[in-house]
Protein backbone atom coordinates (compact mmCIF):
# COMPACT_ATOMS: atom_id res chain seq x y z
CA MET A 1 -15.52 19.24 -38.68
CA TYR A 2 -15.75 16.24 -36.37
CA LEU A 3 -14.33 16.18 -32.85
CA THR A 4 -13.10 12.81 -31.63
CA LEU A 5 -12.55 12.38 -27.87
CA THR A 6 -9.92 9.87 -27.02
CA THR A 7 -9.65 8.87 -23.35
CA GLY A 8 -7.13 6.09 -23.67
CA TYR A 9 -9.56 3.61 -22.13
CA THR A 10 -11.14 0.74 -23.97
CA MET A 11 -14.34 -0.91 -23.01
CA THR A 12 -13.97 -4.60 -22.46
CA LYS A 13 -16.67 -7.19 -21.95
CA ARG A 14 -16.58 -9.20 -18.78
CA ARG A 15 -15.52 -12.76 -19.21
CA SER A 16 -17.97 -15.41 -18.20
CA PHE A 17 -16.99 -18.88 -17.05
CA SER A 18 -18.88 -22.12 -17.39
CA ASP A 19 -19.98 -24.02 -14.29
CA LYS A 20 -17.51 -26.76 -15.22
CA VAL A 21 -14.58 -24.26 -15.12
CA LYS A 22 -15.77 -22.86 -11.80
CA ALA A 23 -16.06 -26.31 -10.30
CA THR A 24 -12.65 -27.33 -11.55
CA VAL A 25 -11.02 -24.27 -10.03
CA ALA A 26 -12.95 -24.70 -6.74
CA LEU A 27 -11.92 -28.35 -6.46
CA GLU A 28 -8.27 -27.44 -7.05
CA ALA A 29 -8.49 -24.89 -4.30
CA LEU A 30 -10.11 -27.34 -1.90
CA ARG A 31 -7.37 -29.91 -2.44
CA ARG A 32 -4.86 -27.55 -0.76
CA GLY A 33 -2.01 -28.63 -2.99
CA LYS A 34 -1.55 -25.17 -4.45
CA THR A 35 -2.02 -21.58 -3.41
CA ALA A 36 -4.84 -19.42 -4.79
CA GLN A 37 -2.16 -17.46 -6.63
CA GLU A 38 -0.81 -20.58 -8.38
CA ILE A 39 -4.27 -21.74 -9.35
CA ALA A 40 -5.19 -18.28 -10.57
CA ALA A 41 -2.06 -18.09 -12.74
CA LYS A 42 -2.77 -21.47 -14.27
CA HIS A 43 -6.35 -20.51 -15.21
CA LYS A 44 -5.54 -16.84 -16.02
CA ILE A 45 -7.98 -15.41 -13.45
CA HIS A 46 -7.66 -13.20 -10.42
CA PRO A 47 -6.76 -14.97 -7.13
CA ARG A 48 -9.82 -13.40 -5.48
CA GLN A 49 -11.99 -15.29 -8.01
CA VAL A 50 -10.41 -18.56 -6.88
CA THR A 51 -11.28 -17.76 -3.29
CA THR A 52 -14.82 -16.73 -4.16
CA TRP A 53 -15.54 -19.94 -6.15
CA LYS A 54 -14.03 -22.00 -3.32
CA ARG A 55 -16.29 -20.33 -0.77
CA GLN A 56 -19.33 -20.83 -3.03
CA ALA A 57 -18.44 -24.54 -3.36
CA ILE A 58 -18.21 -24.95 0.41
CA ASP A 59 -21.51 -23.15 0.92
CA GLY A 60 -23.16 -25.39 -1.71
CA LEU A 61 -21.85 -28.50 0.03
CA LEU A 62 -23.16 -27.29 3.34
CA GLY A 63 -26.57 -26.79 1.76
CA ALA A 64 -26.54 -30.27 0.20
CA PHE A 65 -26.20 -31.93 3.58
CA SER A 66 -28.60 -29.77 5.53
CA ASP A 67 -31.91 -31.07 6.84
CA LYS A 68 -33.85 -28.34 5.10
CA VAL A 69 -35.78 -29.40 2.00
């Protein structure tokens, strides 16, 4: 006799996004035409992800213009 344990939870793999998608979302967020919620709904991601990618884009720009080599 076999015992099967069913928890009701399914394991899902995390989605990964290309750099192009991240850049597109970050640029939309930087344009200030839409809210993070609107951008997230359009791209089917969490609004916090929009904010994170926007912050990473800003940090990357700051690094691009710094005097450090």
